[in-house]
Protein backbone atom coordinates (compact mmCIF):
# COMPACT_ATOMS: atom_id res chain seq x y z
CA MET A 1 28.64 11.82 16.13
CA LEU A 2 29.26 13.19 19.63
CA ALA A 3 26.75 12.71 22.42
CA PRO A 4 25.34 15.75 24.29
CA ALA A 5 27.87 17.27 26.71
CA ASN A 6 28.40 20.50 28.63
CA ASP A 7 24.85 21.71 27.95
CA GLN A 8 25.41 21.31 24.20
CA PRO A 9 23.21 19.19 21.89
CA PRO A 10 24.56 16.19 19.91
CA ARG A 11 27.17 17.24 17.36
CA LEU A 12 28.22 15.87 13.98
CA VAL A 13 31.97 16.51 13.63
CA LEU A 14 33.70 16.46 10.22
CA GLU A 15 37.50 16.61 10.18
CA LEU A 16 39.10 17.91 6.98
CA GLU A 17 42.80 17.66 6.17
CA GLU A 18 44.52 19.71 3.47
CA THR A 19 46.21 17.66 0.76
CA ASP A 20 47.24 17.81 -2.89
CA ALA A 21 45.53 16.14 -5.84
CA THR A 22 48.11 13.37 -6.25
CA SER A 23 48.05 12.34 -2.60
CA PHE A 24 44.28 12.45 -2.58
CA LYS A 25 43.99 10.13 -5.59
CA GLN A 26 46.52 7.71 -4.08
CA ALA A 27 44.62 7.59 -0.79
CA LEU A 28 41.33 7.16 -2.63
CA ALA A 29 42.72 4.27 -4.71
CA ALA A 30 44.00 2.56 -1.57
CA GLU A 31 40.59 2.76 0.13
CA ALA A 32 38.36 1.99 -2.86
CA PRO A 33 37.12 -1.59 -3.36
CA PRO A 34 38.16 -3.40 -6.55
CA THR A 35 36.05 -2.42 -9.52
CA LEU A 36 33.62 -4.99 -10.87
CA LYS A 37 33.27 -3.29 -14.22
CA PRO A 38 34.91 -5.53 -16.85
CA SER A 39 37.16 -4.33 -19.60
CA VAL A 40 36.90 -6.07 -22.95
CA SER A 41 39.79 -7.88 -24.60
CA ALA A 42 40.40 -6.56 -28.08
CA GLU A 43 41.43 -10.05 -29.22
CA THR A 44 38.72 -12.26 -27.71
CA GLY A 45 35.92 -9.79 -26.93
CA ALA A 46 35.66 -11.46 -23.52
CA PRO A 47 35.72 -9.68 -20.15
CA ALA A 48 39.26 -9.25 -18.83
CA GLY A 49 40.70 -8.60 -15.42
CA GLY A 50 39.01 -9.95 -12.36
CA THR A 51 35.27 -10.16 -13.10
CA PRO A 52 33.99 -13.72 -12.57
CA THR A 53 32.57 -15.44 -15.62
CA GLY A 54 28.83 -14.83 -15.87
CA ALA A 55 28.83 -11.91 -13.39
CA ALA A 56 26.81 -8.95 -14.61
CA ALA A 57 27.62 -5.34 -13.82
CA PRO A 58 24.91 -3.53 -11.84
CA ASP A 59 22.30 -1.78 -13.99
CA PRO A 60 22.84 1.96 -13.37
CA ARG A 61 19.58 3.05 -14.98
CA PRO A 62 16.94 4.74 -12.79
CA VAL A 63 14.20 2.39 -11.61
CA ILE A 64 10.59 3.38 -12.24
CA VAL A 65 7.92 1.43 -10.35
CA ILE A 66 4.49 1.39 -12.00
CA ASP A 67 1.69 0.45 -9.64
CA PRO A 68 -1.66 -0.48 -11.22
CA GLY A 69 -4.13 -0.24 -8.35
CA HIS A 70 -6.28 -3.01 -6.94
CA GLY A 71 -6.21 -6.50 -8.51
CA GLY A 72 -7.37 -10.01 -7.67
CA VAL A 73 -10.32 -10.00 -5.27
CA ASP A 74 -10.15 -6.20 -5.15
CA ASN A 75 -11.93 -4.90 -8.27
CA GLY A 76 -11.76 -1.25 -7.32
CA THR A 77 -14.53 0.84 -8.87
CA ARG A 78 -16.85 -0.59 -11.51
CA ALA A 79 -19.03 0.71 -14.33
CA GLY A 80 -21.08 -2.05 -15.95
CA GLU A 81 -18.63 -4.69 -17.17
CA GLU A 82 -15.62 -2.41 -16.80
CA THR A 83 -13.59 -2.70 -13.61
CA GLU A 84 -10.95 -0.29 -12.37
CA LYS A 85 -8.42 -3.07 -11.81
CA ASN A 86 -8.49 -4.05 -15.50
CA LEU A 87 -8.51 -0.50 -16.85
CA VAL A 88 -5.51 0.60 -14.81
CA LEU A 89 -3.59 -2.62 -15.53
CA ALA A 90 -3.97 -2.05 -19.26
CA PHE A 91 -2.72 1.51 -18.81
CA GLY A 92 0.20 0.42 -16.63
CA LEU A 93 1.33 -2.23 -19.11
CA ALA A 94 1.16 0.30 -21.96
CA LEU A 95 3.24 2.75 -19.90
CA ARG A 96 5.82 0.06 -19.18
CA GLU A 97 6.09 -0.75 -22.89
CA GLN A 98 6.54 2.92 -23.78
CA LEU A 99 9.26 3.44 -21.16
CA GLU A 100 11.13 0.24 -21.99
CA LYS A 101 11.32 1.27 -25.64
CA LYS A 102 13.40 4.24 -24.57
CA GLY A 103 16.01 1.96 -23.01
CA LYS A 104 16.85 4.59 -20.38
CA TYR A 105 15.00 3.09 -17.44
CA ARG A 106 14.52 -0.18 -15.62
CA VAL A 107 10.76 -0.57 -15.20
CA VAL A 108 9.22 -2.64 -12.42
CA MET A 109 5.50 -3.45 -12.12
CA THR A 110 3.95 -4.04 -8.71
CA ARG A 111 1.58 -6.33 -10.59
CA ALA A 112 1.54 -7.35 -14.25
CA ASP A 113 -1.58 -9.52 -14.03
CA ASP A 114 -4.78 -9.88 -12.02
CA THR A 115 -3.04 -10.35 -8.66
CA PHE A 116 -3.90 -8.79 -5.32
CA ILE A 117 -0.91 -6.98 -3.79
CA PRO A 118 -1.30 -5.40 -0.31
CA LEU A 119 -0.61 -1.68 -0.18
CA ASP A 120 2.35 -2.00 2.18
CA GLU A 121 3.96 -4.56 -0.14
CA ARG A 122 3.76 -2.10 -3.02
CA VAL A 123 5.59 0.51 -0.96
CA LYS A 124 8.19 -2.03 0.18
CA MET A 125 8.78 -3.04 -3.44
CA ALA A 126 9.59 0.54 -4.46
CA HIS A 127 11.91 0.98 -1.48
CA ALA A 128 13.68 -2.35 -2.05
CA GLN A 129 14.28 -1.46 -5.71
CA GLY A 130 15.77 1.92 -4.80
CA ALA A 131 13.21 3.44 -7.15
CA ALA A 132 13.74 6.89 -8.60
CA LEU A 133 9.99 7.26 -9.09
CA PHE A 134 6.78 5.48 -8.04
CA VAL A 135 3.64 6.01 -10.12
CA SER A 136 0.37 4.51 -8.87
CA ILE A 137 -2.43 4.30 -11.45
CA HIS A 138 -6.12 4.43 -10.45
CA ALA A 139 -9.54 5.51 -11.67
CA ASP A 140 -12.10 7.36 -9.55
CA TYR A 141 -15.85 6.99 -8.98
CA LEU A 142 -18.47 9.41 -7.70
CA PRO A 143 -21.70 7.80 -6.44
CA ARG A 144 -25.00 9.03 -7.81
CA GLY A 145 -26.47 11.87 -5.83
CA GLU A 146 -23.06 13.36 -5.01
CA GLY A 147 -22.85 15.53 -8.10
CA GLU A 148 -20.81 15.16 -11.26
CA ALA A 149 -17.03 15.07 -11.57
CA GLN A 150 -14.70 14.40 -14.45
CA GLY A 151 -11.08 14.55 -15.48
CA ALA A 152 -7.74 13.28 -14.21
CA THR A 153 -6.31 14.13 -10.79
CA ILE A 154 -2.73 13.79 -9.52
CA TYR A 155 -2.18 13.16 -5.81
CA THR A 156 0.85 13.49 -3.58
CA VAL A 157 0.92 12.44 0.06
CA SER A 158 -0.48 14.98 2.52
CA ASP A 159 1.66 16.77 5.10
CA LYS A 160 -0.37 15.30 7.92
CA ALA A 161 0.06 11.75 6.70
CA THR A 162 3.75 12.31 6.13
CA ASP A 163 4.27 13.64 9.65
CA ALA A 164 2.47 10.63 11.11
CA GLU A 165 4.60 8.34 8.99
CA ALA A 166 7.77 10.05 10.21
CA GLU A 167 6.73 9.29 13.77
CA ARG A 168 5.99 5.65 12.92
CA LEU A 169 9.27 5.21 11.05
CA ALA A 170 11.18 6.59 14.02
CA ASP A 171 10.18 3.56 16.10
CA ALA A 172 13.12 1.26 16.74
CA GLU A 173 11.80 -1.70 14.77
CA ASN A 174 11.48 0.41 11.61
CA ARG A 175 14.84 2.17 11.71
CA ALA A 176 17.04 -0.63 10.36
CA ASP A 177 16.62 0.35 6.72
CA ALA A 178 14.22 3.26 6.60
CA ILE A 179 16.21 5.54 4.29
CA GLY A 180 18.13 4.24 1.31
CA GLY A 181 20.06 1.58 3.23
CA VAL A 182 21.18 3.90 6.07
CA ASN A 183 21.11 1.92 9.31
CA LEU A 184 19.54 4.05 12.03
CA THR A 185 19.28 1.43 14.75
CA GLN A 186 22.38 2.68 16.57
CA GLU A 187 21.45 6.34 16.34
CA PRO A 188 19.74 8.30 19.14
CA THR A 189 16.00 8.72 18.61
CA GLU A 190 16.43 12.45 17.98
CA VAL A 191 19.00 11.81 15.22
CA ALA A 192 16.84 9.15 13.56
CA ASP A 193 13.83 11.48 13.62
CA ILE A 194 15.84 14.27 11.99
CA LEU A 195 17.28 12.04 9.24
CA ILE A 196 13.87 10.56 8.43
CA ASP A 197 12.27 13.99 8.40
CA LEU A 198 14.95 15.36 6.06
CA ALA A 199 14.51 12.41 3.70
CA GLN A 200 10.75 12.87 3.65
CA ARG A 201 11.01 16.61 3.04
CA GLU A 202 13.28 16.04 0.06
CA THR A 203 11.06 13.24 -1.25
CA ARG A 204 7.97 15.41 -0.86
CA THR A 205 9.66 18.20 -2.82
CA PHE A 206 10.53 15.85 -5.69
CA SER A 207 7.03 14.32 -5.62
CA ASN A 208 5.41 17.74 -5.92
CA ARG A 209 7.82 18.72 -8.70
CA PHE A 210 6.95 15.62 -10.70
CA ALA A 211 3.23 16.11 -10.07
CA ARG A 212 3.43 19.59 -11.61
CA LEU A 213 5.42 18.33 -14.58
CA LEU A 214 2.94 15.50 -15.09
CA MET A 215 -0.03 17.85 -14.97
CA GLY A 216 1.59 20.07 -17.57
CA GLU A 217 2.08 17.17 -19.97
CA MET A 218 -1.23 15.39 -19.33
CA LYS A 219 -3.37 18.47 -19.88
CA THR A 220 -2.24 18.48 -23.52
CA THR A 221 -3.79 15.06 -24.13
CA THR A 222 -6.60 14.55 -21.63
CA ARG A 223 -9.17 16.46 -19.64
CA MET A 224 -8.00 17.32 -16.14
CA HIS A 225 -10.10 17.72 -13.00
CA LYS A 226 -10.94 21.34 -12.11
CA HIS A 227 -8.51 20.93 -9.17
CA PRO A 228 -5.93 18.60 -10.75
CA LEU A 229 -3.27 18.68 -8.01
CA LYS A 230 -4.28 17.35 -4.60
CA SER A 231 -2.76 15.68 -1.57
CA ALA A 232 -4.17 12.93 0.64
CA GLY A 233 -3.05 10.26 3.05
CA PHE A 234 -2.68 7.42 0.57
CA ARG A 235 -0.70 4.61 2.21
CA VAL A 236 0.82 3.64 -1.11
CA LEU A 237 2.59 7.04 -1.38
CA LYS A 238 4.40 6.84 1.95
CA ALA A 239 7.85 5.51 1.01
CA PRO A 240 10.07 8.09 2.73
CA ASP A 241 12.82 7.93 0.11
CA VAL A 242 10.92 7.43 -3.20
CA PRO A 243 9.19 10.33 -5.01
CA SER A 244 5.63 9.07 -5.43
CA VAL A 245 2.40 10.17 -7.08
CA LEU A 246 -1.02 8.61 -7.48
CA VAL A 247 -2.82 9.37 -10.74
CA GLU A 248 -6.59 9.07 -10.96
CA LEU A 249 -6.99 8.82 -14.73
CA GLY A 250 -10.64 9.83 -14.68
CA TYR A 251 -14.06 8.91 -13.31
CA VAL A 252 -15.62 5.63 -14.39
CA SER A 253 -18.91 7.17 -13.19
CA ASN A 254 -18.62 9.80 -15.94
CA LYS A 255 -19.66 8.61 -19.39
CA SER A 256 -17.10 10.71 -21.26
CA ASP A 257 -14.24 9.71 -18.94
CA LEU A 258 -15.18 6.05 -19.24
CA GLU A 259 -15.06 6.30 -23.02
CA HIS A 260 -11.53 7.65 -22.70
CA LEU A 261 -10.47 4.97 -20.23
CA THR A 262 -11.56 2.23 -22.63
CA SER A 263 -10.06 3.90 -25.72
CA GLU A 264 -6.71 2.62 -27.01
CA SER A 265 -6.15 5.93 -28.82
CA TRP A 266 -6.65 7.95 -25.62
CA ARG A 267 -4.50 5.54 -23.65
CA SER A 268 -1.67 5.80 -26.16
CA LYS A 269 -1.68 9.61 -26.09
CA THR A 270 -1.89 9.80 -22.31
CA VAL A 271 0.86 7.20 -21.85
CA GLY A 272 3.03 9.29 -24.17
CA ALA A 273 2.39 12.42 -22.10
CA MET A 274 3.25 10.59 -18.88
CA ALA A 275 6.44 9.18 -20.40
CA GLN A 276 7.46 12.68 -21.50
CA ALA A 277 6.97 13.99 -17.95
CA ILE A 278 9.14 11.16 -16.63
CA ASP A 279 11.85 12.00 -19.19
CA VAL A 280 11.93 15.64 -18.08
CA PHE A 281 11.89 14.73 -14.38
CA LEU A 282 14.75 12.24 -14.63
CA ALA A 283 16.81 14.07 -17.28
CA LYS A 284 19.33 15.40 -14.74
CA ARG A 285 19.91 11.98 -13.18
CA LEU A 286 20.42 10.42 -16.61
CA ALA A 287 22.87 13.17 -17.55
CA THR A 288 24.99 12.54 -14.46
CA ALA A 289 25.08 8.82 -15.24
CA GLY A 290 27.30 9.63 -18.23
CA PRO A 291 28.32 7.33 -21.08
CA ALA A 292 28.64 4.30 -18.75
CA ARG A 293 24.84 4.06 -18.93
């Protein structure tokens, strides 16, 4: 990276040198760190060649973070004895079970019991895990006198909220690990802003793509809101490098929706639809992982 000079903006300079395949492979082997992937001895079945006893190879499977909303002192919405925090936890646990059966993903729950987790901690958890997808599960409520609403809605973060987040992330104290482990603390402010903005644009594209896939699958099993795809400034969707959606499964204020939310049969079908959308969304990443997965 070259600083501004001679009335020119900062420049990123890449130097390429022509070589042949053999020389390239030799240079690559000389620079690459030792592999930690063990081979297996045909005689003993034990790892051979340099991997310490008990050391496990990194899990290459995509990480999916499931985020049941609310929890603990935060009940969320309520309809009689039914609380949002319990309804969405039951759904989240069922989704985790369905995904783990496939064996293709590593599934992380932001909460697996009645625990209060701050919104920012949920986002940090997805970022720290290097998640391929973040799915927040909620249920909606419409107060009496404000009309009637029903059906599921899928939210992505709004452009306005994302732009504000880009500005916040560009502050020096937030640059150290804002994008997938890339350290931006030594970069000029303009460079950091550009890199963060590019990451957020890509993430927003993937989030919108998954939202459309999810809507297509869910509408085969459950009633959708008349405007099923929306965007809003949800704090929990603001990880700049993790595709994220928030799913409002239905309205606890609507009798029919509440019957669905408390039905194991409905939950099973809707979990299956969501798992199918995740399969389609992550199929390319799984394909590139190859047989080592």
